[in-house]
Amino acid sequence: MERIMAILRWKSKESLLVYARMNDGERSDWVLSSMTQTVDSTVAAHLPLLDADAWVAALQESLRSGELGAAARTAEDGADIDDAA
């Protein structure tokens, strides 16, 4: 990491936090990955259930089954830029 910092003329690790940013694709990959993780912390088990729990569970199941991706591809295939005008 120090070599990269020197090449890019970053003087400190704090400057790394300012200049090193994720691109949209990487950020999207992290968000999608986080949606499929299981939280099994003893602290998390004591948190109250949120109203959106059922919705999030359905969304995660749609991601796992591929249903959400198929629906998005179908919608994208049917979209026509000229229709929006």
PDB file of N, CA and C in Angstrom:
ATOM      1  N   MET A   1       0.821  -1.183   0.000  1.00  0.00           N
ATOM      2  CA  MET A   1       0.000   0.000   0.000  1.00  0.00           C
ATOM      3  C   MET A   1       0.871   1.256   0.000  1.00  0.00           C
ATOM      4  N   GLU A   2       1.969   1.231   0.707  1.00  0.00           N
ATOM      5  CA  GLU A   2       2.846   2.398   0.763  1.00  0.00           C
ATOM      6  C   GLU A   2       3.382   2.748  -0.622  1.00  0.00           C
ATOM      7  N   ARG A   3       3.690   1.730  -1.425  1.00  0.00           N
ATOM      8  CA  ARG A   3       4.216   1.980  -2.772  1.00  0.00           C
ATOM      9  C   ARG A   3       3.150   2.677  -3.637  1.00  0.00           C
ATOM     10  N   ILE A   4       1.929   2.193  -3.543  1.00  0.00           N
ATOM     11  CA  ILE A   4       0.838   2.823  -4.306  1.00  0.00           C
ATOM     12  C   ILE A   4       0.644   4.259  -3.855  1.00  0.00           C
ATOM     13  N   MET A   5       0.679   4.466  -2.543  1.00  0.00           N
ATOM     14  CA  MET A   5       0.525   5.822  -2.014  1.00  0.00           C
ATOM     15  C   MET A   5       1.642   6.729  -2.532  1.00  0.00           C
ATOM     16  N   ALA A   6       2.865   6.227  -2.584  1.00  0.00           N
ATOM     17  CA  ALA A   6       3.992   7.031  -3.064  1.00  0.00           C
ATOM     18  C   ALA A   6       3.846   7.351  -4.548  1.00  0.00           C
ATOM     19  N   ILE A   7       3.441   6.370  -5.345  1.00  0.00           N
ATOM     20  CA  ILE A   7       3.267   6.587  -6.782  1.00  0.00           C
ATOM     21  C   ILE A   7       2.197   7.643  -7.042  1.00  0.00           C
ATOM     22  N   LEU A   8       1.126   7.596  -6.267  1.00  0.00           N
ATOM     23  CA  LEU A   8       0.015   8.535  -6.455  1.00  0.00           C
ATOM     24  C   LEU A   8       0.196   9.832  -5.676  1.00  0.00           C
ATOM     25  N   ARG A   9       1.324   9.958  -4.980  1.00  0.00           N
ATOM     26  CA  ARG A   9       1.687  11.138  -4.198  1.00  0.00           C
ATOM     27  C   ARG A   9       0.704  11.409  -3.059  1.00  0.00           C
ATOM     28  N   TRP A  10       0.179  10.331  -2.482  1.00  0.00           N
ATOM     29  CA  TRP A  10      -0.643  10.479  -1.291  1.00  0.00           C
ATOM     30  C   TRP A  10       0.297  10.485  -0.099  1.00  0.00           C
ATOM     31  N   LYS A  11       0.213  11.477   0.734  1.00  0.00           N
ATOM     32  CA  LYS A  11       1.166  11.661   1.824  1.00  0.00           C
ATOM     33  C   LYS A  11       0.824  10.844   3.071  1.00  0.00           C
ATOM     34  N   SER A  12      -0.442  10.475   3.213  1.00  0.00           N
ATOM     35  CA  SER A  12      -0.834   9.775   4.438  1.00  0.00           C
ATOM     36  C   SER A  12      -1.983   8.814   4.149  1.00  0.00           C
ATOM     37  N   LYS A  13      -2.281   7.968   5.125  1.00  0.00           N
ATOM     38  CA  LYS A  13      -3.424   7.067   4.979  1.00  0.00           C
ATOM     39  C   LYS A  13      -4.728   7.851   4.969  1.00  0.00           C
ATOM     40  N   GLU A  14      -4.739   9.016   5.613  1.00  0.00           N
ATOM     41  CA  GLU A  14      -5.938   9.863   5.602  1.00  0.00           C
ATOM     42  C   GLU A  14      -6.242  10.340   4.173  1.00  0.00           C
ATOM     43  N   SER A  15      -5.202  10.655   3.408  1.00  0.00           N
ATOM     44  CA  SER A  15      -5.425  11.086   2.029  1.00  0.00           C
ATOM     45  C   SER A  15      -5.953   9.927   1.189  1.00  0.00           C
ATOM     46  N   LEU A  16      -5.568   8.718   1.540  1.00  0.00           N
ATOM     47  CA  LEU A  16      -6.104   7.548   0.857  1.00  0.00           C
ATOM     48  C   LEU A  16      -7.614   7.495   0.998  1.00  0.00           C
ATOM     49  N   LEU A  17      -8.116   7.801   2.179  1.00  0.00           N
ATOM     50  CA  LEU A  17      -9.561   7.783   2.408  1.00  0.00           C
ATOM     51  C   LEU A  17     -10.277   8.854   1.596  1.00  0.00           C
ATOM     52  N   VAL A  18      -9.584   9.951   1.332  1.00  0.00           N
ATOM     53  CA  VAL A  18     -10.196  11.040   0.567  1.00  0.00           C
ATOM     54  C   VAL A  18     -10.219  10.710  -0.924  1.00  0.00           C
ATOM     55  N   TYR A  19      -9.112  10.173  -1.446  1.00  0.00           N
ATOM     56  CA  TYR A  19      -8.981  10.012  -2.888  1.00  0.00           C
ATOM     57  C   TYR A  19      -9.347   8.628  -3.415  1.00  0.00           C
ATOM     58  N   ALA A  20      -9.234   7.625  -2.621  1.00  0.00           N
ATOM     59  CA  ALA A  20      -9.535   6.266  -3.087  1.00  0.00           C
ATOM     60  C   ALA A  20     -11.027   6.019  -2.946  1.00  0.00           C
ATOM     61  N   ARG A  21     -11.720   6.073  -4.043  1.00  0.00           N
ATOM     62  CA  ARG A  21     -13.172   5.886  -4.024  1.00  0.00           C
ATOM     63  C   ARG A  21     -13.534   4.658  -4.872  1.00  0.00           C
ATOM     64  N   MET A  22     -14.615   4.010  -4.480  1.00  0.00           N
ATOM     65  CA  MET A  22     -15.095   2.868  -5.249  1.00  0.00           C
ATOM     66  C   MET A  22     -15.832   3.368  -6.488  1.00  0.00           C
ATOM     67  N   ASN A  23     -15.727   2.610  -7.562  1.00  0.00           N
ATOM     68  CA  ASN A  23     -16.527   2.967  -8.723  1.00  0.00           C
ATOM     69  C   ASN A  23     -17.933   2.389  -8.552  1.00  0.00           C
ATOM     70  N   ASP A  24     -18.855   2.776  -9.413  1.00  0.00           N
ATOM     71  CA  ASP A  24     -20.250   2.365  -9.270  1.00  0.00           C
ATOM     72  C   ASP A  24     -20.429   0.851  -9.330  1.00  0.00           C
ATOM     73  N   GLY A  25     -19.681   0.197 -10.203  1.00  0.00           N
ATOM     74  CA  GLY A  25     -19.795  -1.258 -10.320  1.00  0.00           C
ATOM     75  C   GLY A  25     -19.351  -1.972  -9.062  1.00  0.00           C
ATOM     76  N   GLU A  26     -18.246  -1.533  -8.483  1.00  0.00           N
ATOM     77  CA  GLU A  26     -17.752  -2.153  -7.252  1.00  0.00           C
ATOM     78  C   GLU A  26     -18.721  -1.914  -6.102  1.00  0.00           C
ATOM     79  N   ARG A  27     -19.231  -0.700  -6.004  1.00  0.00           N
ATOM     80  CA  ARG A  27     -20.197  -0.381  -4.938  1.00  0.00           C
ATOM     81  C   ARG A  27     -21.452  -1.244  -5.081  1.00  0.00           C
ATOM     82  N   SER A  28     -21.917  -1.399  -6.317  1.00  0.00           N
ATOM     83  CA  SER A  28     -23.093  -2.226  -6.579  1.00  0.00           C
ATOM     84  C   SER A  28     -22.844  -3.677  -6.183  1.00  0.00           C
ATOM     85  N   ASP A  29     -21.658  -4.197  -6.502  1.00  0.00           N
ATOM     86  CA  ASP A  29     -21.318  -5.574  -6.127  1.00  0.00           C
ATOM     87  C   ASP A  29     -21.350  -5.753  -4.612  1.00  0.00           C
ATOM     88  N   TRP A  30     -20.814  -4.771  -3.863  1.00  0.00           N
ATOM     89  CA  TRP A  30     -20.812  -4.857  -2.401  1.00  0.00           C
ATOM     90  C   TRP A  30     -22.229  -4.808  -1.846  1.00  0.00           C
ATOM     91  N   VAL A  31     -23.079  -3.955  -2.404  1.00  0.00           N
ATOM     92  CA  VAL A  31     -24.466  -3.855  -1.926  1.00  0.00           C
ATOM     93  C   VAL A  31     -25.206  -5.154  -2.178  1.00  0.00           C
ATOM     94  N   LEU A  32     -25.084  -5.699  -3.391  1.00  0.00           N
ATOM     95  CA  LEU A  32     -25.757  -6.962  -3.706  1.00  0.00           C
ATOM     96  C   LEU A  32     -25.240  -8.088  -2.816  1.00  0.00           C
ATOM     97  N   SER A  33     -23.941  -8.117  -2.578  1.00  0.00           N
ATOM     98  CA  SER A  33     -23.359  -9.141  -1.720  1.00  0.00           C
ATOM     99  C   SER A  33     -23.892  -9.016  -0.290  1.00  0.00           C
ATOM    100  N   SER A  34     -24.023  -7.797   0.186  1.00  0.00           N
ATOM    101  CA  SER A  34     -24.490  -7.607   1.558  1.00  0.00           C
ATOM    102  C   SER A  34     -25.927  -8.070   1.739  1.00  0.00           C
ATOM    103  N   MET A  35     -26.710  -8.018   0.662  1.00  0.00           N
ATOM    104  CA  MET A  35     -28.121  -8.410   0.767  1.00  0.00           C
ATOM    105  C   MET A  35     -28.293  -9.913   0.970  1.00  0.00           C
ATOM    106  N   THR A  36     -27.281 -10.699   0.654  1.00  0.00           N
ATOM    107  CA  THR A  36     -27.400 -12.152   0.764  1.00  0.00           C
ATOM    108  C   THR A  36     -26.691 -12.708   1.995  1.00  0.00           C
ATOM    109  N   GLN A  37     -26.158 -11.834   2.830  1.00  0.00           N
ATOM    110  CA  GLN A  37     -25.433 -12.289   4.018  1.00  0.00           C
ATOM    111  C   GLN A  37     -26.383 -12.591   5.166  1.00  0.00           C
ATOM    112  N   THR A  38     -26.022 -13.561   5.961  1.00  0.00           N
ATOM    113  CA  THR A  38     -26.791 -13.920   7.144  1.00  0.00           C
ATOM    114  C   THR A  38     -26.133 -13.286   8.362  1.00  0.00           C
ATOM    115  N   VAL A  39     -26.935 -12.563   9.117  1.00  0.00           N
ATOM    116  CA  VAL A  39     -26.433 -11.951  10.349  1.00  0.00           C
ATOM    117  C   VAL A  39     -26.812 -12.875  11.493  1.00  0.00           C
ATOM    118  N   ASP A  40     -25.810 -13.397  12.198  1.00  0.00           N
ATOM    119  CA  ASP A  40     -26.099 -14.329  13.282  1.00  0.00           C
ATOM    120  C   ASP A  40     -25.467 -13.885  14.598  1.00  0.00           C
ATOM    121  N   SER A  41     -25.243 -12.614  14.712  1.00  0.00           N
ATOM    122  CA  SER A  41     -24.660 -12.070  15.927  1.00  0.00           C
ATOM    123  C   SER A  41     -25.659 -12.184  17.079  1.00  0.00           C
ATOM    124  N   THR A  42     -25.157 -12.454  18.274  1.00  0.00           N
ATOM    125  CA  THR A  42     -26.058 -12.527  19.418  1.00  0.00           C
ATOM    126  C   THR A  42     -26.692 -11.178  19.698  1.00  0.00           C
ATOM    127  N   VAL A  43     -26.003 -10.094  19.369  1.00  0.00           N
ATOM    128  CA  VAL A  43     -26.570  -8.761  19.552  1.00  0.00           C
ATOM    129  C   VAL A  43     -27.699  -8.535  18.551  1.00  0.00           C
ATOM    130  N   ALA A  44     -27.478  -8.916  17.295  1.00  0.00           N
ATOM    131  CA  ALA A  44     -28.488  -8.715  16.262  1.00  0.00           C
ATOM    132  C   ALA A  44     -29.758  -9.502  16.573  1.00  0.00           C
ATOM    133  N   ALA A  45     -29.617 -10.622  17.239  1.00  0.00           N
ATOM    134  CA  ALA A  45     -30.791 -11.432  17.564  1.00  0.00           C
ATOM    135  C   ALA A  45     -31.730 -10.708  18.525  1.00  0.00           C
ATOM    136  N   HIS A  46     -31.227  -9.737  19.249  1.00  0.00           N
ATOM    137  CA  HIS A  46     -32.055  -9.016  20.215  1.00  0.00           C
ATOM    138  C   HIS A  46     -32.654  -7.742  19.644  1.00  0.00           C
ATOM    139  N   LEU A  47     -32.354  -7.421  18.402  1.00  0.00           N
ATOM    140  CA  LEU A  47     -32.907  -6.216  17.790  1.00  0.00           C
ATOM    141  C   LEU A  47     -34.380  -6.431  17.451  1.00  0.00           C
ATOM    142  N   PRO A  48     -35.172  -5.388  17.494  1.00  0.00           N
ATOM    143  CA  PRO A  48     -36.587  -5.541  17.125  1.00  0.00           C
ATOM    144  C   PRO A  48     -36.720  -5.802  15.624  1.00  0.00           C
ATOM    145  N   LEU A  49     -37.764  -6.498  15.237  1.00  0.00           N
ATOM    146  CA  LEU A  49     -38.018  -6.747  13.825  1.00  0.00           C
ATOM    147  C   LEU A  49     -38.501  -5.459  13.175  1.00  0.00           C
ATOM    148  N   LEU A  50     -38.063  -5.232  11.964  1.00  0.00           N
ATOM    149  CA  LEU A  50     -38.492  -4.062  11.221  1.00  0.00           C
ATOM    150  C   LEU A  50     -39.705  -4.401  10.380  1.00  0.00           C
ATOM    151  N   ASP A  51     -40.501  -3.410  10.077  1.00  0.00           N
ATOM    152  CA  ASP A  51     -41.693  -3.626   9.264  1.00  0.00           C
ATOM    153  C   ASP A  51     -41.362  -4.170   7.879  1.00  0.00           C
ATOM    154  N   ALA A  52     -40.177  -3.881   7.398  1.00  0.00           N
ATOM    155  CA  ALA A  52     -39.802  -4.281   6.042  1.00  0.00           C
ATOM    156  C   ALA A  52     -39.193  -5.677   5.985  1.00  0.00           C
ATOM    157  N   ASP A  53     -39.167  -6.414   7.086  1.00  0.00           N
ATOM    158  CA  ASP A  53     -38.527  -7.735   7.096  1.00  0.00           C
ATOM    159  C   ASP A  53     -39.091  -8.670   6.037  1.00  0.00           C
ATOM    160  N   ALA A  54     -40.402  -8.741   5.916  1.00  0.00           N
ATOM    161  CA  ALA A  54     -41.014  -9.649   4.942  1.00  0.00           C
ATOM    162  C   ALA A  54     -40.671  -9.218   3.523  1.00  0.00           C
ATOM    163  N   TRP A  55     -40.679  -7.913   3.282  1.00  0.00           N
ATOM    164  CA  TRP A  55     -40.352  -7.391   1.954  1.00  0.00           C
ATOM    165  C   TRP A  55     -38.900  -7.702   1.603  1.00  0.00           C
ATOM    166  N   VAL A  56     -37.995  -7.491   2.544  1.00  0.00           N
ATOM    167  CA  VAL A  56     -36.572  -7.755   2.303  1.00  0.00           C
ATOM    168  C   VAL A  56     -36.354  -9.248   2.064  1.00  0.00           C
ATOM    169  N   ALA A  57     -37.036 -10.095   2.834  1.00  0.00           N
ATOM    170  CA  ALA A  57     -36.898 -11.543   2.646  1.00  0.00           C
ATOM    171  C   ALA A  57     -37.371 -11.946   1.250  1.00  0.00           C
ATOM    172  N   ALA A  58     -38.473 -11.353   0.799  1.00  0.00           N
ATOM    173  CA  ALA A  58     -38.979 -11.657  -0.544  1.00  0.00           C
ATOM    174  C   ALA A  58     -38.001 -11.166  -1.608  1.00  0.00           C
ATOM    175  N   LEU A  59     -37.414  -9.991  -1.397  1.00  0.00           N
ATOM    176  CA  LEU A  59     -36.437  -9.456  -2.339  1.00  0.00           C
ATOM    177  C   LEU A  59     -35.206 -10.351  -2.407  1.00  0.00           C
ATOM    178  N   GLN A  60     -34.713 -10.795  -1.242  1.00  0.00           N
ATOM    179  CA  GLN A  60     -33.551 -11.681  -1.222  1.00  0.00           C
ATOM    180  C   GLN A  60     -33.851 -12.999  -1.918  1.00  0.00           C
ATOM    181  N   GLU A  61     -35.038 -13.530  -1.715  1.00  0.00           N
ATOM    182  CA  GLU A  61     -35.417 -14.780  -2.372  1.00  0.00           C
ATOM    183  C   GLU A  61     -35.500 -14.587  -3.882  1.00  0.00           C
ATOM    184  N   SER A  62     -36.004 -13.422  -4.319  1.00  0.00           N
ATOM    185  CA  SER A  62     -36.056 -13.118  -5.751  1.00  0.00           C
ATOM    186  C   SER A  62     -34.657 -13.036  -6.343  1.00  0.00           C
ATOM    187  N   LEU A  63     -33.711 -12.488  -5.576  1.00  0.00           N
ATOM    188  CA  LEU A  63     -32.325 -12.417  -6.040  1.00  0.00           C
ATOM    189  C   LEU A  63     -31.728 -13.815  -6.143  1.00  0.00           C
ATOM    190  N   ARG A  64     -31.946 -14.637  -5.097  1.00  0.00           N
ATOM    191  CA  ARG A  64     -31.382 -15.991  -5.091  1.00  0.00           C
ATOM    192  C   ARG A  64     -31.944 -16.840  -6.227  1.00  0.00           C
ATOM    193  N   SER A  65     -33.244 -16.725  -6.479  1.00  0.00           N
ATOM    194  CA  SER A  65     -33.875 -17.564  -7.497  1.00  0.00           C
ATOM    195  C   SER A  65     -33.623 -17.068  -8.915  1.00  0.00           C
ATOM    196  N   GLY A  66     -33.166 -15.825  -9.048  1.00  0.00           N
ATOM    197  CA  GLY A  66     -32.943 -15.260 -10.376  1.00  0.00           C
ATOM    198  C   GLY A  66     -34.172 -14.590 -10.942  1.00  0.00           C
ATOM    199  N   GLU A  67     -35.273 -14.641 -10.214  1.00  0.00           N
ATOM    200  CA  GLU A  67     -36.538 -14.056 -10.684  1.00  0.00           C
ATOM    201  C   GLU A  67     -36.419 -12.545 -10.887  1.00  0.00           C
ATOM    202  N   LEU A  68     -35.744 -11.872  -9.968  1.00  0.00           N
ATOM    203  CA  LEU A  68     -35.597 -10.421 -10.060  1.00  0.00           C
ATOM    204  C   LEU A  68     -34.784 -10.037 -11.287  1.00  0.00           C
ATOM    205  N   GLY A  69     -33.699 -10.744 -11.538  1.00  0.00           N
ATOM    206  CA  GLY A  69     -32.875 -10.462 -12.712  1.00  0.00           C
ATOM    207  C   GLY A  69     -33.634 -10.710 -14.010  1.00  0.00           C
ATOM    208  N   ALA A  70     -34.411 -11.781 -14.043  1.00  0.00           N
ATOM    209  CA  ALA A  70     -35.198 -12.091 -15.240  1.00  0.00           C
ATOM    210  C   ALA A  70     -36.235 -11.002 -15.492  1.00  0.00           C
ATOM    211  N   ALA A  71     -36.882 -10.533 -14.431  1.00  0.00           N
ATOM    212  CA  ALA A  71     -37.874  -9.468 -14.571  1.00  0.00           C
ATOM    213  C   ALA A  71     -37.221  -8.182 -15.060  1.00  0.00           C
ATOM    214  N   ALA A  72     -36.031  -7.889 -14.553  1.00  0.00           N
ATOM    215  CA  ALA A  72     -35.323  -6.679 -14.985  1.00  0.00           C
ATOM    216  C   ALA A  72     -34.936  -6.781 -16.453  1.00  0.00           C
ATOM    217  N   ARG A  73     -34.455  -7.960 -16.868  1.00  0.00           N
ATOM    218  CA  ARG A  73     -34.077  -8.128 -18.272  1.00  0.00           C
ATOM    219  C   ARG A  73     -35.301  -8.006 -19.179  1.00  0.00           C
ATOM    220  N   THR A  74     -36.423  -8.575 -18.761  1.00  0.00           N
ATOM    221  CA  THR A  74     -37.650  -8.482 -19.544  1.00  0.00           C
ATOM    222  C   THR A  74     -38.091  -7.031 -19.665  1.00  0.00           C
ATOM    223  N   ALA A  75     -38.045  -6.300 -18.572  1.00  0.00           N
ATOM    224  CA  ALA A  75     -38.433  -4.891 -18.596  1.00  0.00           C
ATOM    225  C   ALA A  75     -37.487  -4.092 -19.477  1.00  0.00           C
ATOM    226  N   GLU A  76     -36.199  -4.402 -19.402  1.00  0.00           N
ATOM    227  CA  GLU A  76     -35.211  -3.684 -20.209  1.00  0.00           C
ATOM    228  C   GLU A  76     -35.412  -3.987 -21.690  1.00  0.00           C
ATOM    229  N   ASP A  77     -35.699  -5.246 -22.011  1.00  0.00           N
ATOM    230  CA  ASP A  77     -35.927  -5.612 -23.411  1.00  0.00           C
ATOM    231  C   ASP A  77     -37.147  -4.918 -23.981  1.00  0.00           C
ATOM    232  N   GLY A  78     -38.157  -4.691 -23.144  1.00  0.00           N
ATOM    233  CA  GLY A  78     -39.397  -4.058 -23.608  1.00  0.00           C
ATOM    234  C   GLY A  78     -39.332  -2.542 -23.603  1.00  0.00           C
ATOM    235  N   ALA A  79     -38.288  -1.980 -22.985  1.00  0.00           N
ATOM    236  CA  ALA A  79     -38.186  -0.521 -22.906  1.00  0.00           C
ATOM    237  C   ALA A  79     -37.739   0.046 -24.245  1.00  0.00           C
ATOM    238  N   ASP A  80     -38.370   1.128 -24.621  1.00  0.00           N
ATOM    239  CA  ASP A  80     -38.008   1.814 -25.853  1.00  0.00           C
ATOM    240  C   ASP A  80     -37.863   3.292 -25.538  1.00  0.00           C
ATOM    241  N   ILE A  81     -36.723   3.842 -25.845  1.00  0.00           N
ATOM    242  CA  ILE A  81     -36.449   5.236 -25.515  1.00  0.00           C
ATOM    243  C   ILE A  81     -37.460   6.151 -26.194  1.00  0.00           C
ATOM    244  N   ASP A  82     -37.898   5.798 -27.408  1.00  0.00           N
ATOM    245  CA  ASP A  82     -38.857   6.635 -28.118  1.00  0.00           C
ATOM    246  C   ASP A  82     -40.209   6.695 -27.406  1.00  0.00           C
ATOM    247  N   ASP A  83     -40.569   5.630 -26.670  1.00  0.00           N
ATOM    248  CA  ASP A  83     -41.841   5.606 -25.945  1.00  0.00           C
ATOM    249  C   ASP A  83     -41.875   6.631 -24.831  1.00  0.00           C
ATOM    250  N   ALA A  84     -40.700   6.977 -24.283  1.00  0.00           N
ATOM    251  CA  ALA A  84     -40.658   7.904 -23.162  1.00  0.00           C
ATOM    252  C   ALA A  84     -40.914   9.333 -23.599  1.00  0.00           C
ATOM    253  N   ALA A  85     -40.755   9.628 -24.849  1.00  0.00           N
ATOM    254  CA  ALA A  85     -40.918  10.998 -25.348  1.00  0.00           C
ATOM    255  C   ALA A  85     -42.360  11.372 -25.559  1.00  0.00           C
TER     256      ALA A  85
END
